[in-house]
Amino acid sequence: MAFVQSMFREYYARDLTLGESVRIPEAREYGFASFEGWMLRHKSFRNRNELTSFLRDCVPRDAYFSCAYYEEPEAEMEKKGWLGADLVFDIDADHIPTLCDKIHDEWTCGKCGFVGRGIVPQNCPVCGSEKFTDSTWPCEVCLASAKSETVKLLDVLMGDFGFSEREMHVFFSGHRGYHVHVEDEAVKSLDAVARKEIVDYVLGLGFDAAFYELNSKGLGSSDLKHSGWRGRVVKGFSFILEARPEDFKNIGLKRNVVEALTKNKNAIVQSWNTSNPYTVKGMGPETWRKIVEYSAKSQSANVDTVVTTDIHRLIRLAGTLHGKTGLKKMEFPVSTIDDFDPFKSAVAFKEGTVTVLVSNAPQFRLGDKTYGPYKKQRIELPTAVALLLLCRKRAEIED
């Protein structure tokens, strides 16, 4: 890791810009993971200049700051004097099922050695152990899925909670996801229980179709304009337009209903903008309940509940490099999320080449070029590409 550390040192000495990403920096706790494997916590700095100097001198593998504000950030946890915390959301591809994770993600049970692909299970299917080592990859499909969840989250925060773009800050994490920070006096004093209520709402946890009386006779144009879960579910009904017969069957619908939906899908969706919704023969309350619940799930935002409810959470420091990729955690305007490209914007090293021995890597894009797949291959690559492979432990520097 000596080469990776040297490149991080170069970045922090030459290109580091913290900007305004850390508001009220003197009231935060900071933590740092070193290249040697130790963790330093309970640090504080009087201002951004002190923090910048520390990063340049220490050159951490990963740098974090607290979502919380404290009277004494360097004290022990129970003596810090909690003053409040930002509302923070973490959207990570590790928690989002995708078709590609079975291609490039692998996990190994730490007890029996069983190897599997895809998302790491809670328990090993062979021995039941909860300890695993995993090898993931930040691919475009994974990050597109994380972006989609982030867009849904932002829509809920603005449409249902009334937060403005000015109060929300969106970041690419530098790895496989996005962070959203809400900085508003209304949320700072919320305890873990209140934050769990917000998470439950975002996830649509406990959604009850009967409560909203969503059925074929109750839909109309006014429902589409509703900002709450009723409106979201009705928007979610548009999946009927793209759904294939097997998609309907996966929801649990009967064959005759699937045939009717497939045949009349356009008429059904178009009728929801009128006061006379289209009815389908054979679609009773149970069928509509299944469709409503599926729609609700499609409209919920898949966030890491633990991160949001932890009022002492350390989150990655914007402007710093991610130790697993060499990419930057960076903020971008809420309004530009659709066009944001992490594989271009977050690249920290734009010059030079490095020769590496690649053990195994899938095909991937960085910048405007596509690389790989590689397997036991010696190759000269742009610095940022080589750094990504080295950080992912997919390559080594040639002696």
Protein backbone atom coordinates (compact mmCIF):
# COMPACT_ATOMS: atom_id res chain seq x y z
CA MET A 1 0.00 0.00 0.00
CA ALA A 2 3.07 2.26 -0.05
CA PHE A 3 2.26 3.54 -3.54
CA VAL A 4 -1.39 4.22 -2.63
CA GLN A 5 -0.30 6.14 0.45
CA SER A 6 2.16 8.19 -1.60
CA MET A 7 -0.59 9.15 -4.05
CA PHE A 8 -2.93 10.09 -1.21
CA ARG A 9 -0.13 12.25 0.23
CA GLU A 10 0.26 13.96 -3.14
CA TYR A 11 -3.46 14.66 -3.34
CA TYR A 12 -3.72 16.11 0.18
CA ALA A 13 -0.63 18.27 -0.35
CA ARG A 14 -1.69 19.62 -3.75
CA ASP A 15 -5.40 19.24 -4.48
CA LEU A 16 -7.38 19.00 -1.21
CA THR A 17 -10.28 21.46 -0.99
CA LEU A 18 -12.69 21.14 1.94
CA GLY A 19 -14.77 24.18 1.02
CA GLU A 20 -17.98 24.59 3.03
CA SER A 21 -18.77 20.87 3.23
CA VAL A 22 -18.28 20.86 7.01
CA ARG A 23 -20.49 23.44 8.65
CA ILE A 24 -19.46 24.54 12.19
CA PRO A 25 -16.23 22.48 12.03
CA GLU A 26 -15.12 23.33 15.56
CA ALA A 27 -18.12 21.51 17.11
CA ARG A 28 -17.54 18.19 15.33
CA GLU A 29 -15.70 15.05 16.32
CA TYR A 30 -13.27 13.70 13.70
CA GLY A 31 -11.96 10.20 13.12
CA PHE A 32 -9.20 8.85 10.89
CA ALA A 33 -8.24 5.37 9.68
CA SER A 34 -4.56 4.94 8.93
CA PHE A 35 -2.81 2.89 6.28
CA GLU A 36 -1.19 0.95 9.14
CA GLY A 37 -4.57 -0.26 10.39
CA TRP A 38 -5.20 1.83 13.50
CA MET A 39 -8.15 4.19 14.09
CA LEU A 40 -7.90 7.64 15.67
CA ARG A 41 -11.09 9.17 17.10
CA HIS A 42 -12.24 12.03 19.33
CA LYS A 43 -10.18 14.64 17.51
CA SER A 44 -11.32 18.25 17.07
CA PHE A 45 -10.08 21.27 15.16
CA ARG A 46 -10.69 24.97 15.70
CA ASN A 47 -11.22 25.65 12.01
CA ARG A 48 -10.92 24.22 8.50
CA ASN A 49 -7.31 25.37 8.15
CA GLU A 50 -6.27 23.22 11.13
CA LEU A 51 -8.19 20.26 9.71
CA THR A 52 -6.57 20.71 6.29
CA SER A 53 -3.09 20.85 7.85
CA PHE A 54 -3.76 17.67 9.80
CA LEU A 55 -4.89 15.81 6.68
CA ARG A 56 -1.75 16.88 4.83
CA ASP A 57 0.51 15.82 7.69
CA CYS A 58 -1.29 12.61 8.73
CA VAL A 59 -2.39 11.36 5.25
CA PRO A 60 -5.18 9.03 6.43
CA ARG A 61 -6.58 6.17 4.40
CA ASP A 62 -10.07 7.36 5.36
CA ALA A 63 -11.32 10.50 7.14
CA TYR A 64 -14.62 11.02 8.97
CA PHE A 65 -16.52 13.67 10.91
CA SER A 66 -19.54 13.48 13.18
CA CYS A 67 -23.07 14.29 12.14
CA ALA A 68 -23.39 15.56 15.73
CA TYR A 69 -22.36 18.85 17.31
CA TYR A 70 -20.68 18.77 20.73
CA GLU A 71 -19.60 21.13 23.51
CA GLU A 72 -16.39 19.10 23.97
CA PRO A 73 -15.73 17.01 20.83
CA GLU A 74 -12.50 15.50 22.22
CA ALA A 75 -14.06 14.22 25.46
CA GLU A 76 -15.29 10.68 26.07
CA MET A 77 -18.67 10.01 24.45
CA GLU A 78 -20.74 10.46 27.61
CA LYS A 79 -18.92 13.72 28.45
CA LYS A 80 -18.97 15.39 25.03
CA GLY A 81 -22.15 17.38 25.65
CA TRP A 82 -24.38 16.54 22.68
CA LEU A 83 -25.86 19.70 21.12
CA GLY A 84 -27.73 18.12 18.22
CA ALA A 85 -27.04 16.37 14.93
CA ASP A 86 -27.68 16.72 11.23
CA LEU A 87 -30.13 14.26 9.67
CA VAL A 88 -27.94 11.98 7.57
CA PHE A 89 -28.89 9.28 5.05
CA ASP A 90 -26.60 6.67 3.51
CA ILE A 91 -27.66 4.99 0.27
CA ASP A 92 -25.27 2.15 -0.52
CA ALA A 93 -25.35 -0.35 -3.39
CA ASP A 94 -24.30 -3.01 -0.86
CA HIS A 95 -27.91 -3.02 0.39
CA ILE A 96 -29.61 -2.87 -3.02
CA PRO A 97 -30.16 -6.14 -4.94
CA THR A 98 -29.00 -5.83 -8.57
CA LEU A 99 -28.48 -8.35 -11.36
CA CYS A 100 -24.80 -7.43 -11.58
CA ASP A 101 -23.91 -8.16 -7.95
CA LYS A 102 -23.96 -11.89 -8.71
CA ILE A 103 -21.35 -11.23 -11.39
CA HIS A 104 -18.76 -9.11 -9.59
CA ASP A 105 -19.50 -9.43 -5.83
CA GLU A 106 -18.26 -12.40 -3.81
CA TRP A 107 -18.36 -13.29 -0.12
CA THR A 108 -16.65 -15.93 1.99
CA CYS A 109 -17.79 -17.30 5.33
CA GLY A 110 -15.16 -16.58 7.97
CA LYS A 111 -15.92 -19.83 9.80
CA CYS A 112 -16.41 -22.60 7.24
CA GLY A 113 -15.00 -20.95 4.11
CA PHE A 114 -18.17 -21.32 2.03
CA VAL A 115 -18.11 -18.94 -0.96
CA GLY A 116 -21.16 -17.26 -2.47
CA ARG A 117 -22.02 -14.44 -4.86
CA GLY A 118 -24.27 -11.40 -4.56
CA ILE A 119 -25.33 -9.57 -1.38
CA VAL A 120 -23.76 -10.91 1.82
CA PRO A 121 -26.41 -12.93 3.75
CA GLN A 122 -27.13 -12.44 7.46
CA ASN A 123 -26.07 -16.02 8.15
CA CYS A 124 -23.95 -18.54 6.30
CA PRO A 125 -26.27 -21.08 4.59
CA VAL A 126 -23.87 -23.89 5.57
CA CYS A 127 -22.79 -23.21 9.16
CA GLY A 128 -24.94 -20.26 10.23
CA SER A 129 -22.01 -17.96 11.01
CA GLU A 130 -22.51 -14.18 10.82
CA LYS A 131 -18.89 -13.36 9.97
CA PHE A 132 -17.90 -12.83 6.34
CA THR A 133 -15.24 -11.31 4.17
CA ASP A 134 -16.50 -9.79 0.94
CA SER A 135 -15.16 -8.48 -2.34
CA THR A 136 -17.40 -5.98 -4.11
CA TRP A 137 -16.99 -3.73 -7.13
CA PRO A 138 -18.28 -0.18 -7.78
CA CYS A 139 -19.84 -0.73 -11.20
CA GLU A 140 -22.10 1.60 -13.19
CA VAL A 141 -25.20 -0.53 -12.66
CA CYS A 142 -24.70 -0.56 -8.89
CA LEU A 143 -24.19 3.19 -8.71
CA ALA A 144 -27.14 3.84 -11.02
CA SER A 145 -29.34 1.86 -8.64
CA ALA A 146 -28.00 3.84 -5.67
CA LYS A 147 -28.66 7.09 -7.54
CA SER A 148 -32.23 6.01 -8.27
CA GLU A 149 -32.82 5.40 -4.55
CA THR A 150 -31.26 8.79 -3.75
CA VAL A 151 -33.59 10.55 -6.20
CA LYS A 152 -36.58 8.93 -4.50
CA LEU A 153 -35.26 9.97 -1.10
CA LEU A 154 -34.81 13.59 -2.19
CA ASP A 155 -38.33 13.61 -3.60
CA VAL A 156 -39.75 12.44 -0.25
CA LEU A 157 -37.66 14.91 1.76
CA MET A 158 -38.74 17.85 -0.40
CA GLY A 159 -42.28 16.80 -1.26
CA ASP A 160 -43.44 15.31 2.05
CA PHE A 161 -41.17 16.88 4.68
CA GLY A 162 -40.85 20.27 3.02
CA PHE A 163 -37.05 20.58 3.08
CA SER A 164 -35.57 22.91 0.48
CA GLU A 165 -32.55 22.26 -1.73
CA ARG A 166 -30.69 24.84 0.35
CA GLU A 167 -31.13 22.68 3.47
CA MET A 168 -30.00 19.45 1.81
CA HIS A 169 -26.50 18.47 0.74
CA VAL A 170 -25.91 15.53 -1.60
CA PHE A 171 -22.59 13.71 -1.88
CA PHE A 172 -21.10 10.85 -3.85
CA SER A 173 -19.54 8.68 -1.15
CA GLY A 174 -16.41 7.86 -3.14
CA HIS A 175 -17.31 4.17 -3.28
CA ARG A 176 -20.72 2.55 -4.04
CA GLY A 177 -23.30 5.08 -2.98
CA TYR A 178 -24.49 8.52 -1.97
CA HIS A 179 -24.96 10.50 1.23
CA VAL A 180 -27.68 13.08 1.92
CA HIS A 181 -27.26 15.51 4.82
CA VAL A 182 -30.19 17.60 6.03
CA GLU A 183 -28.95 20.63 7.96
CA ASP A 184 -31.90 22.41 9.52
CA GLU A 185 -32.69 23.56 13.06
CA ALA A 186 -35.92 21.55 12.94
CA VAL A 187 -34.03 18.22 12.83
CA LYS A 188 -30.95 18.90 14.99
CA SER A 189 -32.61 18.09 18.31
CA LEU A 190 -34.36 14.90 17.12
CA ASP A 191 -33.45 11.80 19.13
CA ALA A 192 -32.87 8.32 17.70
CA VAL A 193 -36.55 7.35 18.06
CA ALA A 194 -37.75 10.37 16.08
CA ARG A 195 -35.17 9.69 13.37
CA LYS A 196 -36.37 6.09 13.20
CA GLU A 197 -39.88 7.42 12.51
CA ILE A 198 -38.50 9.42 9.57
CA VAL A 199 -36.65 6.36 8.25
CA ASP A 200 -39.80 4.24 8.56
CA TYR A 201 -41.72 6.81 6.52
CA VAL A 202 -39.03 6.94 3.82
CA LEU A 203 -39.02 3.12 3.64
CA GLY A 204 -42.82 2.97 3.59
CA LEU A 205 -42.59 0.64 6.60
CA GLY A 206 -46.01 -0.33 7.90
CA PHE A 207 -47.77 0.95 4.77
CA ASP A 208 -51.42 -0.15 4.84
CA ALA A 209 -53.26 -0.14 1.51
CA ALA A 210 -56.63 -0.33 3.26
CA PHE A 211 -55.93 2.88 5.17
CA TYR A 212 -55.63 4.80 1.90
CA GLU A 213 -58.65 3.03 0.34
CA LEU A 214 -56.66 2.49 -2.85
CA ASN A 215 -58.81 0.42 -5.17
CA SER A 216 -60.01 0.55 -8.76
CA LYS A 217 -62.92 2.83 -7.89
CA GLY A 218 -60.96 5.21 -5.70
CA LEU A 219 -58.33 6.36 -8.18
CA GLY A 220 -58.47 9.69 -9.93
CA SER A 221 -56.38 12.60 -11.17
CA SER A 222 -56.32 14.17 -7.71
CA ASP A 223 -54.46 11.13 -6.33
CA LEU A 224 -51.59 11.67 -8.75
CA LYS A 225 -51.05 15.17 -7.34
CA HIS A 226 -51.06 14.07 -3.71
CA SER A 227 -47.66 14.58 -2.03
CA GLY A 228 -48.04 11.79 0.54
CA TRP A 229 -47.88 8.03 0.20
CA ARG A 230 -51.24 7.91 -1.56
CA GLY A 231 -49.86 9.96 -4.43
CA ARG A 232 -46.59 8.02 -4.46
CA VAL A 233 -48.33 4.69 -4.72
CA VAL A 234 -50.54 5.89 -7.56
CA LYS A 235 -47.41 7.10 -9.38
CA GLY A 236 -45.95 3.66 -8.79
CA PHE A 237 -48.85 2.09 -10.65
CA SER A 238 -47.16 3.19 -13.87
CA PHE A 239 -45.04 0.02 -13.58
CA ILE A 240 -48.01 -1.70 -15.22
CA LEU A 241 -47.01 -0.09 -18.53
CA GLU A 242 -43.55 -1.70 -18.54
CA ALA A 243 -44.40 -4.92 -16.73
CA ARG A 244 -44.18 -8.26 -18.51
CA PRO A 245 -46.58 -11.14 -17.77
CA GLU A 246 -43.94 -12.81 -15.59
CA ASP A 247 -43.59 -9.59 -13.57
CA PHE A 248 -47.29 -9.71 -12.74
CA LYS A 249 -46.99 -13.38 -11.82
CA ASN A 250 -44.10 -12.58 -9.46
CA ILE A 251 -46.41 -10.23 -7.55
CA GLY A 252 -48.74 -13.18 -7.03
CA LEU A 253 -51.50 -12.35 -9.52
CA LYS A 254 -53.64 -15.07 -11.05
CA ARG A 255 -53.33 -16.06 -14.71
CA ASN A 256 -56.65 -14.57 -15.84
CA VAL A 257 -55.84 -11.28 -14.14
CA VAL A 258 -52.36 -11.24 -15.71
CA GLU A 259 -53.89 -11.72 -19.15
CA ALA A 260 -56.43 -8.92 -18.56
CA LEU A 261 -53.78 -6.52 -17.26
CA THR A 262 -51.43 -7.28 -20.13
CA LYS A 263 -54.18 -6.74 -22.70
CA ASN A 264 -55.61 -3.54 -21.20
CA LYS A 265 -52.57 -1.92 -19.51
CA ASN A 266 -52.65 1.31 -21.57
CA ALA A 267 -56.35 1.86 -21.04
CA ILE A 268 -55.96 1.21 -17.30
CA VAL A 269 -53.15 3.72 -16.79
CA GLN A 270 -54.72 6.41 -18.97
CA SER A 271 -58.03 6.11 -17.13
CA TRP A 272 -56.38 7.08 -13.82
CA ASN A 273 -56.25 10.68 -15.04
CA THR A 274 -60.02 10.71 -15.34
CA SER A 275 -62.82 10.49 -12.83
CA ASN A 276 -63.89 7.13 -14.32
CA PRO A 277 -61.04 4.62 -13.76
CA TYR A 278 -60.92 1.55 -15.97
CA THR A 279 -62.04 -1.64 -14.24
CA VAL A 280 -60.70 -5.09 -15.00
CA LYS A 281 -62.86 -8.16 -14.70
CA GLY A 282 -61.61 -10.50 -12.02
CA MET A 283 -59.58 -7.84 -10.16
CA GLY A 284 -60.94 -7.86 -6.64
CA PRO A 285 -59.64 -6.22 -3.42
CA GLU A 286 -56.90 -8.84 -2.92
CA THR A 287 -55.49 -8.27 -6.41
CA TRP A 288 -55.45 -4.52 -5.91
CA ARG A 289 -53.82 -4.95 -2.51
CA LYS A 290 -50.93 -6.85 -4.11
CA ILE A 291 -50.51 -4.20 -6.80
CA VAL A 292 -50.67 -1.38 -4.26
CA GLU A 293 -48.08 -3.00 -1.99
CA TYR A 294 -45.75 -3.62 -4.92
CA SER A 295 -46.17 0.02 -6.01
CA ALA A 296 -45.44 1.23 -2.50
CA LYS A 297 -42.25 -0.83 -2.36
CA SER A 298 -41.11 0.57 -5.71
CA GLN A 299 -41.58 4.13 -4.43
CA SER A 300 -39.75 3.66 -1.11
CA ALA A 301 -36.13 4.74 -0.79
CA ASN A 302 -33.67 2.03 0.27
CA VAL A 303 -31.56 3.73 2.95
CA ASP A 304 -29.29 2.37 5.69
CA THR A 305 -31.47 2.68 8.80
CA VAL A 306 -28.55 2.40 11.23
CA VAL A 307 -26.77 5.47 9.85
CA THR A 308 -29.79 7.77 10.10
CA THR A 309 -30.82 6.73 13.61
CA ASP A 310 -27.29 7.00 15.09
CA ILE A 311 -27.09 10.52 16.58
CA HIS A 312 -23.32 10.14 17.13
CA ARG A 313 -22.52 8.75 13.68
CA LEU A 314 -19.21 9.44 11.98
CA ILE A 315 -19.64 9.95 8.23
CA ARG A 316 -16.97 10.26 5.54
CA LEU A 317 -15.45 13.74 5.21
CA ALA A 318 -16.24 15.41 1.89
CA GLY A 319 -13.22 16.31 -0.22
CA THR A 320 -11.18 13.37 1.09
CA LEU A 321 -10.26 10.18 -0.74
CA HIS A 322 -11.96 6.84 -0.19
CA GLY A 323 -9.50 4.16 0.84
CA LYS A 324 -11.29 1.48 -1.18
CA THR A 325 -11.27 3.32 -4.52
CA GLY A 326 -9.01 6.38 -4.49
CA LEU A 327 -12.04 8.42 -5.61
CA LYS A 328 -13.22 11.60 -3.86
CA LYS A 329 -16.24 12.00 -1.66
CA MET A 330 -17.72 15.08 -3.26
CA GLU A 331 -20.75 17.32 -2.99
CA PHE A 332 -22.82 18.39 -5.97
CA PRO A 333 -26.05 20.43 -6.33
CA VAL A 334 -29.30 18.57 -5.70
CA SER A 335 -30.65 19.75 -9.05
CA THR A 336 -27.79 18.11 -10.98
CA ILE A 337 -28.09 14.57 -9.61
CA ASP A 338 -29.54 13.14 -12.85
CA ASP A 339 -26.47 14.25 -14.81
CA PHE A 340 -23.85 13.56 -12.14
CA ASP A 341 -21.26 10.99 -13.26
CA PRO A 342 -19.13 9.71 -10.34
CA PHE A 343 -16.73 7.93 -12.69
CA LYS A 344 -15.77 11.30 -14.16
CA SER A 345 -16.37 13.94 -11.50
CA ALA A 346 -14.85 12.06 -8.55
CA VAL A 347 -11.57 11.11 -10.25
CA ALA A 348 -8.75 12.72 -8.27
CA PHE A 349 -5.77 11.85 -10.48
CA LYS A 350 -5.80 12.95 -14.11
CA GLU A 351 -2.15 12.49 -15.11
CA GLY A 352 0.52 9.79 -15.29
CA THR A 353 0.56 6.02 -15.77
CA VAL A 354 1.49 3.07 -13.57
CA THR A 355 2.39 -0.51 -14.45
CA VAL A 356 0.55 -3.06 -12.32
CA LEU A 357 0.01 -6.78 -12.12
CA VAL A 358 -3.76 -7.30 -12.12
CA SER A 359 -4.99 -10.50 -10.48
CA ASN A 360 -8.64 -10.26 -11.46
CA ALA A 361 -10.93 -7.38 -12.42
CA PRO A 362 -14.23 -7.06 -14.34
CA GLN A 363 -14.73 -4.66 -17.22
CA PHE A 364 -15.24 -1.13 -15.92
CA ARG A 365 -15.28 2.51 -16.96
CA LEU A 366 -13.32 5.38 -15.46
CA GLY A 367 -13.46 8.76 -17.13
CA ASP A 368 -14.32 8.34 -20.81
CA LYS A 369 -12.61 4.99 -21.31
CA THR A 370 -13.46 1.38 -20.56
CA TYR A 371 -10.89 -1.01 -19.09
CA GLY A 372 -10.68 -4.76 -18.56
CA PRO A 373 -11.62 -7.41 -17.97
CA TYR A 374 -8.22 -8.43 -16.62
CA LYS A 375 -6.96 -11.71 -15.22
CA LYS A 376 -3.34 -12.29 -14.19
CA GLN A 377 -2.18 -9.54 -16.50
CA ARG A 378 0.68 -7.04 -16.49
CA ILE A 379 -0.47 -3.71 -17.90
CA GLU A 380 0.35 0.00 -17.90
CA LEU A 381 -2.70 2.03 -16.84
CA PRO A 382 -3.60 5.65 -16.05
CA THR A 383 -2.83 6.49 -12.42
CA ALA A 384 -6.49 6.73 -11.34
CA VAL A 385 -7.30 3.35 -12.90
CA ALA A 386 -4.30 1.64 -11.33
CA LEU A 387 -5.13 3.23 -7.98
CA LEU A 388 -8.69 1.89 -8.10
CA LEU A 389 -7.40 -1.64 -8.73
CA LEU A 390 -4.77 -1.33 -5.99
CA CYS A 391 -7.29 -0.02 -3.46
CA ARG A 392 -9.68 -2.86 -4.34
CA LYS A 393 -6.77 -5.30 -3.87
CA ARG A 394 -7.20 -6.50 -7.42
CA ALA A 395 -3.65 -5.54 -8.43
CA GLU A 396 -0.11 -5.02 -7.16
CA ILE A 397 2.70 -2.68 -8.15
CA GLU A 398 5.28 -4.47 -10.24
CA ASP A 399 8.65 -4.63 -8.46
